[in-house]
Amino acid sequence: MAECDHTADNCGYKSGALPRCAPLATAYVPPQKDGEPRYAADKALARGTLFPGLDLPLGNIVNRDTADVPAAELMAVDFAAHDLSLYLDTHPEDEEAFAVYRDLLTLAEEGKKRYVARYGPICKADLVNASSYCWTRSPWPWELTAESEA
């Protein structure tokens, strides 16, 4: 059996590289390579990742760019808040980052209230002030924006 040449880098940006002579039965996640292509900000938000190599859509269904989606601004603020919370998990002493995080949480709360008032509930807890059970009312947000990836 010929040995695989791990030094040749001709796999493309969707493939990582394993170390030479990696041990059997050891879990290993190949690191991303430097200089990988990146999505533009609006496409990254719609796809859920900045890196095309990490973009693995479930069922080959993807969202279009978010410019025409009513919840785009809310999604962007929530994404930024979540990303910053991951940073704060490892840097809890960063007071400036925490101040920005609190501002993002406030923006997200205000945006969610406006969205729910105009378009309906985002989660079932938003039904607390509803006059009827409208959770299953169509169309769902992804029904407006989903398309199949070629």
Protein backbone atom coordinates (compact mmCIF):
# COMPACT_ATOMS: atom_id res chain seq x y z
CA MET A 1 0.00 0.00 0.00
CA ALA A 2 1.43 3.38 -1.00
CA GLU A 3 1.84 5.91 1.79
CA CYS A 4 -0.26 9.06 1.44
CA ASP A 5 1.83 12.18 0.81
CA HIS A 6 0.53 14.69 3.38
CA THR A 7 3.05 17.31 2.32
CA ALA A 8 1.41 17.86 -1.06
CA ASP A 9 -1.19 20.58 -0.64
CA ASN A 10 -3.51 20.12 -3.57
CA CYS A 11 -6.74 19.44 -1.71
CA GLY A 12 -8.25 22.93 -1.88
CA TYR A 13 -9.69 25.13 0.85
CA LYS A 14 -12.47 22.69 1.83
CA SER A 15 -9.95 20.12 3.08
CA GLY A 16 -7.59 20.24 6.05
CA ALA A 17 -4.29 18.45 6.43
CA LEU A 18 -3.57 15.68 8.92
CA PRO A 19 -0.13 15.44 10.49
CA ARG A 20 2.21 12.88 8.96
CA CYS A 21 1.95 9.54 10.76
CA ALA A 22 -1.12 10.57 12.77
CA PRO A 23 -1.91 7.85 15.33
CA LEU A 24 -4.88 5.57 14.77
CA ALA A 25 -8.05 5.99 16.86
CA THR A 26 -7.17 9.50 17.94
CA ALA A 27 -9.68 12.23 17.21
CA TYR A 28 -8.11 15.05 15.26
CA VAL A 29 -9.58 18.21 13.76
CA PRO A 30 -7.45 19.57 10.94
CA PRO A 31 -6.73 23.29 11.32
CA GLN A 32 -7.88 25.79 8.74
CA LYS A 33 -5.20 27.01 6.39
CA ASP A 34 -4.11 30.63 6.33
CA GLY A 35 -5.44 32.73 3.49
CA GLU A 36 -8.66 30.78 2.96
CA PRO A 37 -11.36 32.54 0.94
CA ARG A 38 -13.98 34.37 2.97
CA TYR A 39 -17.58 35.34 2.34
CA ALA A 40 -18.69 38.97 2.27
CA ALA A 41 -20.38 40.04 5.52
CA ASP A 42 -23.99 39.73 4.30
CA LYS A 43 -23.38 36.30 2.78
CA ALA A 44 -21.48 35.13 5.89
CA LEU A 45 -24.45 36.09 8.06
CA ALA A 46 -26.87 34.22 5.79
CA ARG A 47 -24.63 31.15 5.60
CA GLY A 48 -23.71 31.11 9.31
CA THR A 49 -19.96 31.12 8.70
CA LEU A 50 -17.32 33.42 7.30
CA PHE A 51 -15.42 30.55 5.68
CA PRO A 52 -16.72 28.72 2.59
CA GLY A 53 -14.69 25.67 3.63
CA LEU A 54 -16.79 25.34 6.80
CA ASP A 55 -20.09 25.88 4.98
CA LEU A 56 -21.90 22.54 5.08
CA PRO A 57 -25.63 23.29 4.62
CA LEU A 58 -28.07 20.73 6.02
CA GLY A 59 -30.02 19.10 3.22
CA ASN A 60 -28.25 21.36 0.72
CA ILE A 61 -30.71 24.15 1.64
CA VAL A 62 -29.20 27.60 2.10
CA ASN A 63 -30.44 31.13 2.74
CA ARG A 64 -30.11 33.87 0.16
CA ASP A 65 -28.31 37.04 1.12
CA THR A 66 -30.09 38.64 4.05
CA ALA A 67 -30.70 42.10 2.57
CA ASP A 68 -34.38 41.38 1.84
CA VAL A 69 -35.14 39.47 5.04
CA PRO A 70 -37.06 41.44 7.71
CA ALA A 71 -35.04 39.87 10.52
CA ALA A 72 -31.62 40.63 8.96
CA GLU A 73 -30.68 43.38 11.39
CA LEU A 74 -31.85 41.33 14.36
CA MET A 75 -29.86 38.32 13.11
CA ALA A 76 -26.74 40.48 12.73
CA VAL A 77 -27.00 41.89 16.26
CA ASP A 78 -27.69 38.44 17.75
CA PHE A 79 -24.75 36.98 15.83
CA ALA A 80 -22.41 39.74 17.04
CA ALA A 81 -23.60 39.33 20.64
CA HIS A 82 -23.14 35.57 20.53
CA ASP A 83 -19.69 35.87 18.98
CA LEU A 84 -18.64 38.42 21.59
CA SER A 85 -19.97 36.15 24.37
CA LEU A 86 -17.64 33.41 23.12
CA TYR A 87 -14.74 35.85 23.36
CA LEU A 88 -15.81 36.87 26.87
CA ASP A 89 -15.88 33.20 27.93
CA THR A 90 -12.09 33.22 27.58
CA HIS A 91 -11.49 36.90 28.41
CA PRO A 92 -13.93 37.73 31.24
CA GLU A 93 -11.72 40.59 32.51
CA ASP A 94 -12.10 42.62 29.28
CA GLU A 95 -14.35 45.43 30.54
CA GLU A 96 -14.55 47.21 27.18
CA ALA A 97 -15.76 44.04 25.44
CA PHE A 98 -18.31 43.46 28.21
CA ALA A 99 -19.64 47.02 27.79
CA VAL A 100 -20.06 46.42 24.04
CA TYR A 101 -21.73 43.07 24.82
CA ARG A 102 -24.28 44.77 27.11
CA ASP A 103 -25.00 47.36 24.39
CA LEU A 104 -25.54 44.55 21.85
CA LEU A 105 -27.91 42.75 24.24
CA THR A 106 -29.92 45.97 24.64
CA LEU A 107 -30.07 46.46 20.86
CA ALA A 108 -31.12 42.83 20.41
CA GLU A 109 -33.90 43.15 22.99
CA GLU A 110 -35.25 46.36 21.43
CA GLY A 111 -35.01 44.91 17.92
CA LYS A 112 -36.78 41.71 18.95
CA LYS A 113 -39.67 43.69 20.48
CA ARG A 114 -40.09 45.69 17.25
CA TYR A 115 -39.87 42.54 15.11
CA VAL A 116 -42.41 40.59 17.19
CA ALA A 117 -44.84 43.53 17.17
CA ARG A 118 -44.64 43.79 13.38
CA TYR A 119 -44.12 40.21 12.13
CA GLY A 120 -45.07 37.86 14.95
CA PRO A 121 -43.29 35.64 17.47
CA ILE A 122 -39.68 34.54 17.11
CA CYS A 123 -39.97 32.01 19.94
CA LYS A 124 -42.94 30.65 21.86
CA ALA A 125 -42.22 32.89 24.85
CA ASP A 126 -43.16 35.83 22.59
CA LEU A 127 -46.79 34.66 22.76
CA VAL A 128 -47.19 35.93 26.32
CA ASN A 129 -49.05 39.04 25.08
CA ALA A 130 -50.62 37.48 21.95
CA SER A 131 -54.39 37.46 21.50
CA SER A 132 -54.32 34.01 19.84
CA TYR A 133 -51.99 31.07 19.32
CA CYS A 134 -50.20 32.23 16.16
CA TRP A 135 -47.02 30.19 16.48
CA THR A 136 -47.74 27.96 13.49
CA ARG A 137 -48.85 30.76 11.19
CA SER A 138 -47.09 30.54 7.80
CA PRO A 139 -44.88 31.48 6.17
CA TRP A 140 -41.95 30.65 8.43
CA PRO A 141 -38.88 32.89 7.99
CA TRP A 142 -36.91 30.21 6.16
CA GLU A 143 -39.78 29.60 3.76
CA LEU A 144 -39.28 33.14 2.51
CA THR A 145 -35.53 32.86 2.04
CA ALA A 146 -34.60 29.22 1.43
CA GLU A 147 -33.25 27.99 -1.86
CA SER A 148 -31.39 24.88 -2.91
CA GLU A 149 -27.67 25.16 -3.47
CA ALA A 150 -26.43 23.94 -6.83
